[in-house]
N, C-alpha and C. Protein backbone atom coordinates (compact mmCIF):
# COMPACT_ATOMS: atom_id res chain seq x y z
N MET A 1 -4.74 143.81 118.63
CA MET A 1 -5.53 144.39 117.56
C MET A 1 -5.09 145.83 117.28
N GLY A 2 -4.72 146.55 118.34
CA GLY A 2 -4.28 147.93 118.18
C GLY A 2 -3.03 148.04 117.33
N ASN A 3 -2.08 147.10 117.50
CA ASN A 3 -0.85 147.11 116.70
C ASN A 3 -1.14 146.90 115.23
N LEU A 4 -2.08 146.03 114.91
CA LEU A 4 -2.45 145.77 113.53
C LEU A 4 -3.01 147.02 112.88
N THR A 5 -3.81 147.76 113.61
CA THR A 5 -4.38 149.01 113.09
C THR A 5 -3.29 150.02 112.80
N ILE A 6 -2.32 150.14 113.69
CA ILE A 6 -1.22 151.09 113.50
C ILE A 6 -0.40 150.69 112.28
N GLU A 7 -0.07 149.40 112.12
CA GLU A 7 0.70 148.94 110.97
C GLU A 7 -0.04 149.21 109.68
N LEU A 8 -1.33 148.99 109.63
CA LEU A 8 -2.10 149.25 108.42
C LEU A 8 -2.11 150.73 108.08
N GLN A 9 -2.24 151.57 109.09
CA GLN A 9 -2.24 153.01 108.85
C GLN A 9 -0.88 153.46 108.31
N GLU A 10 0.22 152.90 108.85
CA GLU A 10 1.55 153.25 108.36
C GLU A 10 1.72 152.81 106.91
N GLU A 11 1.27 151.61 106.57
CA GLU A 11 1.39 151.13 105.21
C GLU A 11 0.58 151.98 104.25
N GLN A 12 -0.61 152.43 104.66
CA GLN A 12 -1.42 153.29 103.81
C GLN A 12 -0.72 154.63 103.58
N ALA A 13 -0.13 155.19 104.63
CA ALA A 13 0.57 156.47 104.50
C ALA A 13 1.75 156.33 103.56
N GLN A 14 2.51 155.21 103.65
CA GLN A 14 3.64 154.99 102.77
C GLN A 14 3.19 154.82 101.33
N ALA A 15 2.09 154.15 101.12
CA ALA A 15 1.59 153.92 99.76
C ALA A 15 1.17 155.24 99.12
N ILE A 16 0.64 156.14 99.91
CA ILE A 16 0.17 157.42 99.37
C ILE A 16 1.34 158.36 99.11
N ALA A 17 2.21 158.53 100.09
CA ALA A 17 3.27 159.53 99.98
C ALA A 17 4.56 158.97 99.41
N GLY A 18 4.76 157.67 99.44
CA GLY A 18 6.02 157.09 99.03
C GLY A 18 7.00 157.07 100.19
N LEU A 19 8.07 156.34 100.01
CA LEU A 19 9.09 156.24 101.04
C LEU A 19 10.17 157.28 100.80
N PRO A 20 10.85 157.72 101.87
CA PRO A 20 11.90 158.74 101.71
C PRO A 20 13.19 158.15 101.16
N TYR A 21 13.76 158.84 100.19
CA TYR A 21 15.04 158.48 99.58
C TYR A 21 15.93 159.72 99.59
N LEU A 22 17.22 159.51 99.82
CA LEU A 22 18.18 160.60 99.75
C LEU A 22 18.76 160.64 98.35
N SER A 23 18.71 161.81 97.71
CA SER A 23 19.28 161.93 96.37
C SER A 23 20.75 162.36 96.48
N LEU A 24 21.57 161.80 95.60
CA LEU A 24 23.00 162.06 95.57
C LEU A 24 23.41 162.36 94.14
N GLN A 25 24.15 163.43 93.95
CA GLN A 25 24.62 163.77 92.60
C GLN A 25 25.96 163.09 92.38
N ILE A 26 26.02 162.20 91.36
CA ILE A 26 27.27 161.49 91.09
C ILE A 26 27.96 161.96 89.82
N ASP A 27 27.29 162.78 89.05
CA ASP A 27 27.84 163.35 87.83
C ASP A 27 27.08 164.66 87.61
N GLN A 28 27.54 165.47 86.70
CA GLN A 28 26.89 166.76 86.48
C GLN A 28 25.40 166.62 86.20
N ASP A 29 25.02 165.58 85.46
CA ASP A 29 23.62 165.41 85.12
C ASP A 29 23.07 164.03 85.51
N VAL A 30 23.71 163.38 86.50
CA VAL A 30 23.26 162.07 86.95
C VAL A 30 23.00 162.10 88.45
N THR A 31 21.79 161.71 88.82
CA THR A 31 21.39 161.66 90.22
C THR A 31 20.95 160.24 90.55
N VAL A 32 21.34 159.79 91.74
CA VAL A 32 20.90 158.49 92.25
C VAL A 32 20.16 158.72 93.56
N ALA A 33 19.42 157.72 93.99
CA ALA A 33 18.69 157.82 95.25
C ALA A 33 18.89 156.53 96.04
N LEU A 34 19.02 156.69 97.35
CA LEU A 34 19.14 155.56 98.27
C LEU A 34 18.04 155.65 99.32
N PRO A 35 17.51 154.50 99.75
CA PRO A 35 16.49 154.55 100.81
C PRO A 35 17.05 155.25 102.05
N LEU A 36 16.33 156.21 102.55
CA LEU A 36 16.78 157.00 103.69
C LEU A 36 16.96 156.15 104.94
N LYS A 37 16.26 155.02 105.01
CA LYS A 37 16.37 154.18 106.21
C LYS A 37 17.78 153.63 106.40
N PHE A 38 18.62 153.61 105.35
CA PHE A 38 19.99 153.13 105.47
C PHE A 38 20.99 154.25 105.71
N VAL A 39 20.57 155.51 105.60
CA VAL A 39 21.49 156.64 105.73
C VAL A 39 21.53 157.10 107.18
N ARG A 40 22.71 157.00 107.77
CA ARG A 40 22.86 157.43 109.17
C ARG A 40 23.01 158.95 109.23
N GLU A 41 23.87 159.49 108.37
CA GLU A 41 24.08 160.94 108.33
C GLU A 41 24.84 161.30 107.07
N THR A 42 24.90 162.59 106.80
CA THR A 42 25.70 163.10 105.69
C THR A 42 26.65 164.13 106.25
N LEU A 43 27.80 164.26 105.61
CA LEU A 43 28.77 165.24 106.06
C LEU A 43 29.74 165.57 104.95
N VAL A 44 30.53 166.58 105.19
CA VAL A 44 31.60 166.97 104.27
C VAL A 44 32.89 166.83 105.06
N LEU A 45 33.80 165.99 104.54
CA LEU A 45 35.07 165.74 105.23
C LEU A 45 36.24 166.26 104.43
N SER A 46 37.22 166.74 105.14
CA SER A 46 38.47 167.16 104.55
C SER A 46 39.22 165.93 104.04
N SER A 47 39.93 166.08 102.94
CA SER A 47 40.69 164.96 102.39
C SER A 47 41.76 164.47 103.35
N GLU A 48 42.16 165.31 104.30
CA GLU A 48 43.16 164.92 105.29
C GLU A 48 42.64 163.87 106.25
N ARG A 49 41.33 163.70 106.35
CA ARG A 49 40.72 162.72 107.27
C ARG A 49 40.76 161.30 106.73
N PHE A 50 41.09 161.12 105.44
CA PHE A 50 41.12 159.80 104.82
C PHE A 50 42.47 159.14 105.05
N THR A 51 42.45 157.89 105.47
CA THR A 51 43.67 157.10 105.56
C THR A 51 43.72 156.21 104.33
N GLN A 52 44.67 156.52 103.45
CA GLN A 52 44.82 155.76 102.21
C GLN A 52 45.37 154.37 102.52
N MET A 53 44.89 153.37 101.81
CA MET A 53 45.33 152.00 102.01
C MET A 53 45.87 151.46 100.68
N PRO A 54 47.00 150.77 100.71
CA PRO A 54 47.54 150.21 99.46
C PRO A 54 46.81 148.94 99.06
N ASN A 55 46.88 148.62 97.79
CA ASN A 55 46.38 147.35 97.25
C ASN A 55 44.90 147.11 97.49
N VAL A 56 44.09 148.13 97.31
CA VAL A 56 42.64 147.97 97.43
C VAL A 56 41.99 148.38 96.11
N HIS A 57 40.74 148.08 95.97
CA HIS A 57 39.96 148.43 94.78
C HIS A 57 40.10 149.94 94.52
N ASN A 58 40.17 150.32 93.26
CA ASN A 58 40.35 151.73 92.89
C ASN A 58 39.29 152.65 93.47
N CYS A 59 38.07 152.16 93.64
CA CYS A 59 37.01 153.06 94.10
C CYS A 59 37.01 153.26 95.62
N LEU A 60 37.86 152.55 96.36
CA LEU A 60 37.96 152.77 97.81
C LEU A 60 38.88 153.95 98.07
N MET A 61 38.29 155.02 98.58
CA MET A 61 39.04 156.25 98.79
C MET A 61 39.92 156.19 100.03
N GLY A 62 39.53 155.38 100.99
CA GLY A 62 40.30 155.24 102.21
C GLY A 62 39.41 154.97 103.40
N LEU A 63 40.05 154.84 104.55
CA LEU A 63 39.34 154.62 105.80
C LEU A 63 39.16 155.95 106.51
N VAL A 64 38.04 156.07 107.22
CA VAL A 64 37.73 157.29 107.96
C VAL A 64 37.28 156.89 109.36
N GLU A 65 37.71 157.68 110.35
CA GLU A 65 37.20 157.52 111.70
C GLU A 65 36.25 158.68 111.96
N HIS A 66 35.03 158.34 112.36
CA HIS A 66 34.03 159.37 112.64
C HIS A 66 33.12 158.87 113.76
N ARG A 67 33.00 159.64 114.81
CA ARG A 67 32.16 159.28 115.96
C ARG A 67 32.49 157.89 116.50
N SER A 68 33.76 157.63 116.66
CA SER A 68 34.28 156.36 117.20
C SER A 68 34.00 155.15 116.32
N ASN A 69 33.70 155.36 115.06
CA ASN A 69 33.52 154.28 114.10
C ASN A 69 34.55 154.43 112.99
N ILE A 70 35.09 153.31 112.54
CA ILE A 70 36.03 153.31 111.42
C ILE A 70 35.34 152.59 110.27
N PHE A 71 35.32 153.24 109.10
CA PHE A 71 34.65 152.65 107.94
C PHE A 71 35.32 153.11 106.66
N TRP A 72 35.06 152.33 105.60
CA TRP A 72 35.55 152.66 104.27
C TRP A 72 34.68 153.75 103.66
N VAL A 73 35.30 154.60 102.86
CA VAL A 73 34.58 155.54 102.01
C VAL A 73 34.90 155.16 100.58
N LEU A 74 33.86 154.99 99.80
CA LEU A 74 34.09 154.63 98.41
C LEU A 74 33.64 155.74 97.48
N ASP A 75 34.29 155.79 96.36
CA ASP A 75 33.98 156.76 95.31
C ASP A 75 32.78 156.19 94.55
N LEU A 76 31.57 156.62 94.92
CA LEU A 76 30.37 156.05 94.32
C LEU A 76 30.30 156.26 92.81
N PRO A 77 30.61 157.44 92.29
CA PRO A 77 30.58 157.59 90.83
C PRO A 77 31.49 156.58 90.12
N GLN A 78 32.69 156.38 90.63
CA GLN A 78 33.62 155.44 90.00
C GLN A 78 33.09 154.01 90.08
N LEU A 79 32.54 153.61 91.23
CA LEU A 79 31.97 152.27 91.36
C LEU A 79 30.89 152.02 90.33
N LEU A 80 30.09 153.06 90.06
CA LEU A 80 28.96 152.93 89.15
C LEU A 80 29.33 153.14 87.68
N GLY A 81 30.62 153.33 87.39
CA GLY A 81 31.06 153.44 86.00
C GLY A 81 31.10 154.85 85.45
N PHE A 82 30.97 155.84 86.31
CA PHE A 82 31.05 157.24 85.89
C PHE A 82 32.45 157.77 86.21
N ALA A 83 32.74 159.01 85.83
CA ALA A 83 34.04 159.61 86.11
C ALA A 83 34.25 159.67 87.62
N PRO A 84 35.45 159.30 88.08
CA PRO A 84 35.71 159.32 89.53
C PRO A 84 35.71 160.74 90.07
N LEU A 85 35.57 160.83 91.39
CA LEU A 85 35.66 162.13 92.05
C LEU A 85 37.07 162.69 91.85
N ASP A 86 37.19 163.99 91.82
CA ASP A 86 38.47 164.66 91.64
C ASP A 86 39.33 164.42 92.89
N SER A 87 40.45 163.75 92.73
CA SER A 87 41.30 163.41 93.87
C SER A 87 42.01 164.62 94.46
N THR A 88 41.97 165.76 93.77
CA THR A 88 42.61 166.97 94.30
C THR A 88 41.64 167.83 95.11
N MET A 89 40.38 167.38 95.22
CA MET A 89 39.41 168.15 96.01
C MET A 89 39.87 168.18 97.47
N THR A 90 39.65 169.30 98.12
CA THR A 90 40.04 169.41 99.52
C THR A 90 38.96 168.85 100.45
N GLU A 91 37.72 168.75 99.95
CA GLU A 91 36.62 168.21 100.75
C GLU A 91 35.80 167.24 99.91
N THR A 92 35.22 166.25 100.59
CA THR A 92 34.39 165.26 99.93
C THR A 92 33.04 165.18 100.63
N HIS A 93 31.97 165.20 99.86
CA HIS A 93 30.62 165.03 100.39
C HIS A 93 30.39 163.53 100.58
N ILE A 94 29.92 163.15 101.76
CA ILE A 94 29.77 161.73 102.08
C ILE A 94 28.40 161.47 102.69
N ALA A 95 27.78 160.38 102.22
CA ALA A 95 26.58 159.84 102.85
C ALA A 95 27.03 158.58 103.57
N ILE A 96 26.80 158.52 104.87
CA ILE A 96 27.21 157.36 105.66
C ILE A 96 26.03 156.41 105.78
N LEU A 97 26.23 155.19 105.26
CA LEU A 97 25.20 154.16 105.33
C LEU A 97 25.43 153.33 106.59
N HIS A 98 24.34 152.88 107.20
CA HIS A 98 24.40 152.00 108.35
C HIS A 98 23.57 150.77 108.01
N LEU A 99 24.26 149.67 107.76
CA LEU A 99 23.61 148.42 107.39
C LEU A 99 24.00 147.35 108.40
N GLY A 100 23.04 146.91 109.20
CA GLY A 100 23.34 145.94 110.25
C GLY A 100 24.27 146.59 111.26
N THR A 101 25.45 146.02 111.42
CA THR A 101 26.42 146.59 112.35
C THR A 101 27.53 147.34 111.63
N ALA A 102 27.47 147.41 110.31
CA ALA A 102 28.54 148.01 109.52
C ALA A 102 28.17 149.41 109.02
N PHE A 103 29.21 150.21 108.83
CA PHE A 103 29.07 151.54 108.26
C PHE A 103 29.85 151.58 106.95
N LEU A 104 29.37 152.36 106.01
CA LEU A 104 30.05 152.54 104.73
C LEU A 104 29.79 153.96 104.26
N GLY A 105 30.84 154.67 103.91
CA GLY A 105 30.70 156.03 103.40
C GLY A 105 30.67 156.03 101.88
N LEU A 106 29.77 156.82 101.31
CA LEU A 106 29.68 156.97 99.86
C LEU A 106 30.11 158.38 99.50
N GLY A 107 31.24 158.51 98.84
CA GLY A 107 31.70 159.81 98.38
C GLY A 107 30.98 160.19 97.10
N VAL A 108 30.44 161.41 97.05
CA VAL A 108 29.68 161.88 95.89
C VAL A 108 30.04 163.34 95.61
N HIS A 109 29.57 163.84 94.47
CA HIS A 109 29.81 165.25 94.14
C HIS A 109 29.02 166.18 95.05
N ARG A 110 27.76 165.78 95.34
CA ARG A 110 26.92 166.64 96.17
C ARG A 110 25.80 165.81 96.77
N ILE A 111 25.48 166.10 98.02
CA ILE A 111 24.33 165.49 98.67
C ILE A 111 23.10 166.29 98.25
N GLY A 112 22.06 165.60 97.83
CA GLY A 112 20.85 166.26 97.39
C GLY A 112 19.82 166.36 98.50
N ARG A 113 18.57 166.35 98.09
CA ARG A 113 17.48 166.48 99.06
C ARG A 113 16.77 165.14 99.22
N VAL A 114 15.88 165.09 100.18
CA VAL A 114 15.08 163.89 100.40
C VAL A 114 13.90 163.92 99.44
N LEU A 115 13.71 162.81 98.74
CA LEU A 115 12.61 162.65 97.79
C LEU A 115 11.66 161.58 98.30
N ARG A 116 10.41 161.67 97.93
CA ARG A 116 9.44 160.62 98.24
C ARG A 116 9.19 159.84 96.96
N ILE A 117 9.45 158.53 97.03
CA ILE A 117 9.28 157.67 95.86
C ILE A 117 8.47 156.45 96.29
N SER A 118 7.41 156.17 95.58
CA SER A 118 6.64 154.96 95.87
C SER A 118 7.17 153.82 95.02
N ASP A 119 6.97 152.60 95.48
CA ASP A 119 7.48 151.43 94.77
C ASP A 119 6.90 151.32 93.36
N VAL A 120 5.68 151.79 93.17
CA VAL A 120 5.07 151.68 91.83
C VAL A 120 5.73 152.63 90.83
N GLU A 121 6.41 153.65 91.30
CA GLU A 121 7.10 154.59 90.42
C GLU A 121 8.44 154.04 89.91
N ILE A 122 8.98 153.05 90.61
CA ILE A 122 10.30 152.51 90.26
C ILE A 122 10.16 151.54 89.09
N VAL A 123 10.82 151.89 88.00
CA VAL A 123 10.79 151.09 86.78
C VAL A 123 11.92 150.07 86.85
N SER A 124 11.70 148.88 86.35
CA SER A 124 12.68 147.79 86.37
C SER A 124 14.00 148.23 85.74
N PRO A 125 15.13 147.75 86.28
CA PRO A 125 16.42 148.06 85.65
C PRO A 125 16.54 147.50 84.23
N LEU A 126 15.71 146.52 83.90
CA LEU A 126 15.74 145.97 82.54
C LEU A 126 15.19 146.96 81.52
N GLU A 127 14.45 147.95 82.00
CA GLU A 127 13.88 148.97 81.13
C GLU A 127 14.58 150.30 81.35
N LEU A 128 15.91 150.29 81.30
CA LEU A 128 16.68 151.50 81.54
C LEU A 128 16.36 152.57 80.50
N PRO A 129 16.35 153.83 80.94
CA PRO A 129 16.12 154.90 79.97
C PRO A 129 17.25 154.96 78.96
N LYS A 130 16.97 155.51 77.83
CA LYS A 130 17.98 155.59 76.76
C LYS A 130 18.94 156.75 77.06
N THR A 131 19.77 156.52 78.05
CA THR A 131 20.80 157.48 78.43
C THR A 131 22.12 156.75 78.49
N ARG A 132 23.14 157.44 78.85
CA ARG A 132 24.47 156.83 78.93
C ARG A 132 24.62 156.09 80.26
N THR A 133 23.93 154.98 80.39
CA THR A 133 23.97 154.19 81.61
C THR A 133 25.08 153.16 81.51
N PRO A 134 26.13 153.29 82.34
CA PRO A 134 27.20 152.30 82.31
C PRO A 134 26.71 150.95 82.83
N MET A 135 27.26 149.89 82.31
CA MET A 135 26.88 148.54 82.76
C MET A 135 27.27 148.30 84.21
N GLU A 136 28.27 149.03 84.72
CA GLU A 136 28.72 148.84 86.10
C GLU A 136 27.63 149.18 87.11
N VAL A 137 26.67 150.01 86.73
CA VAL A 137 25.62 150.43 87.66
C VAL A 137 24.57 149.33 87.87
N VAL A 138 24.41 148.45 86.91
CA VAL A 138 23.31 147.47 86.93
C VAL A 138 23.29 146.59 88.18
N PRO A 139 24.43 146.03 88.67
CA PRO A 139 24.35 145.17 89.86
C PRO A 139 23.86 145.90 91.12
N PHE A 140 23.94 147.22 91.12
CA PHE A 140 23.58 148.00 92.30
C PHE A 140 22.24 148.72 92.14
N LEU A 141 21.52 148.40 91.09
CA LEU A 141 20.32 149.14 90.71
C LEU A 141 19.04 148.41 91.07
N ARG A 142 18.14 149.11 91.75
CA ARG A 142 16.78 148.59 91.97
C ARG A 142 15.90 148.96 90.79
N GLY A 143 16.22 150.09 90.18
CA GLY A 143 15.44 150.58 89.05
C GLY A 143 15.69 152.06 88.87
N TRP A 144 14.77 152.71 88.20
CA TRP A 144 14.88 154.15 87.99
C TRP A 144 13.50 154.77 88.03
N VAL A 145 13.47 156.06 88.32
CA VAL A 145 12.22 156.81 88.31
C VAL A 145 12.41 158.03 87.43
N SER A 146 11.32 158.48 86.88
CA SER A 146 11.36 159.62 85.98
C SER A 146 10.66 160.82 86.62
N GLN A 147 11.32 161.94 86.57
CA GLN A 147 10.74 163.23 87.00
C GLN A 147 10.16 163.17 88.41
N VAL A 148 11.02 163.01 89.39
CA VAL A 148 10.61 163.00 90.79
C VAL A 148 10.64 164.41 91.34
N GLY A 149 9.60 164.77 92.04
CA GLY A 149 9.56 166.06 92.73
C GLY A 149 9.77 167.26 91.84
N GLY A 150 9.25 167.21 90.64
CA GLY A 150 9.34 168.35 89.74
C GLY A 150 10.62 168.43 88.93
N THR A 151 11.53 167.47 89.11
CA THR A 151 12.75 167.48 88.31
C THR A 151 12.45 166.90 86.94
N SER A 152 13.28 167.21 85.97
CA SER A 152 13.07 166.71 84.62
C SER A 152 14.06 165.61 84.25
N THR A 153 14.78 165.10 85.24
CA THR A 153 15.77 164.07 84.96
C THR A 153 15.35 162.72 85.55
N ASN A 154 15.92 161.67 84.99
CA ASN A 154 15.72 160.33 85.54
C ASN A 154 16.63 160.17 86.75
N ILE A 155 16.15 159.45 87.74
CA ILE A 155 16.93 159.20 88.93
C ILE A 155 17.07 157.69 89.09
N TYR A 156 18.31 157.24 89.23
CA TYR A 156 18.58 155.82 89.43
C TYR A 156 18.38 155.49 90.91
N VAL A 157 17.58 154.49 91.19
CA VAL A 157 17.32 154.05 92.56
C VAL A 157 18.27 152.89 92.85
N LEU A 158 19.16 153.11 93.83
CA LEU A 158 20.19 152.12 94.13
C LEU A 158 19.76 151.19 95.25
N ASP A 159 20.38 150.02 95.27
CA ASP A 159 20.19 149.02 96.31
C ASP A 159 21.37 149.14 97.29
N ALA A 160 21.13 149.75 98.45
CA ALA A 160 22.20 150.00 99.42
C ALA A 160 22.85 148.71 99.89
N GLU A 161 22.07 147.67 100.06
CA GLU A 161 22.62 146.39 100.52
C GLU A 161 23.53 145.76 99.47
N ALA A 162 23.21 145.91 98.20
CA ALA A 162 24.06 145.37 97.13
C ALA A 162 25.41 146.10 97.12
N ILE A 163 25.40 147.40 97.36
CA ILE A 163 26.65 148.16 97.42
C ILE A 163 27.48 147.70 98.61
N ALA A 164 26.85 147.57 99.78
CA ALA A 164 27.57 147.17 100.99
C ALA A 164 28.10 145.75 100.90
N ASN A 165 27.43 144.87 100.17
CA ASN A 165 27.84 143.48 100.07
C ASN A 165 28.82 143.21 98.93
N TYR A 166 29.16 144.23 98.15
CA TYR A 166 30.09 144.07 97.04
C TYR A 166 31.46 143.66 97.57
N LYS A 167 32.10 142.73 96.92
CA LYS A 167 33.40 142.21 97.37
C LYS A 167 34.53 143.04 96.79
N PHE A 168 34.84 144.16 97.45
CA PHE A 168 35.88 145.07 96.97
C PHE A 168 37.26 144.44 97.01
N MET A 169 37.53 143.63 98.02
CA MET A 169 38.87 143.06 98.17
C MET A 169 39.18 142.04 97.07
N ALA A 170 38.16 141.43 96.48
CA ALA A 170 38.40 140.46 95.42
C ALA A 170 38.98 141.12 94.17
N PHE A 171 38.85 142.45 94.10
CA PHE A 171 39.33 143.18 92.92
C PHE A 171 40.44 144.16 93.27
N ALA A 172 41.20 143.84 94.31
CA ALA A 172 42.29 144.73 94.73
C ALA A 172 43.33 144.85 93.62
N THR A 173 43.88 146.02 93.51
CA THR A 173 44.89 146.26 92.48
C THR A 173 46.25 145.80 92.98
N ALA A 174 47.09 145.42 92.07
CA ALA A 174 48.44 144.99 92.43
C ALA A 174 49.31 146.19 92.76
N ALA A 175 50.25 146.01 93.63
CA ALA A 175 51.12 147.12 94.05
C ALA A 175 52.12 147.47 92.98
């Protein structure tokens, strides 16, 4: 009975405050959010740390070894249909996702802050705001929220599992 009480209290707290999401800037005026429960850590890596691989999807920036784990880093803006990250940058901001036993790095322009978003605030992806939303973002979208935490911009809420399950190798470029 005690466990049931604790679970109910946790659900009430989540309903009131919302769940934590990490905001990521993927374009000058475009912000996305991912559930914080999937984010292991964030870091800034030198471009020298990336091992480039031939014949892979354009948005795969390369493999990275970090804390005895090897994982892909992908150019999140490019995957979502926005301008790719500048390949001449000396450093890349990365959010490392941990899904099951796999890790995946998301390269972005800037790591933002943690936001609290409740499920009722998330608007269906079918009701996208009238902005320049590329169609490439739709398969990875849970929805969008408007004006979170005092901001005046819409924030796209992404589905971390949809990104991790995307079949990048099926779209490898020819050499």
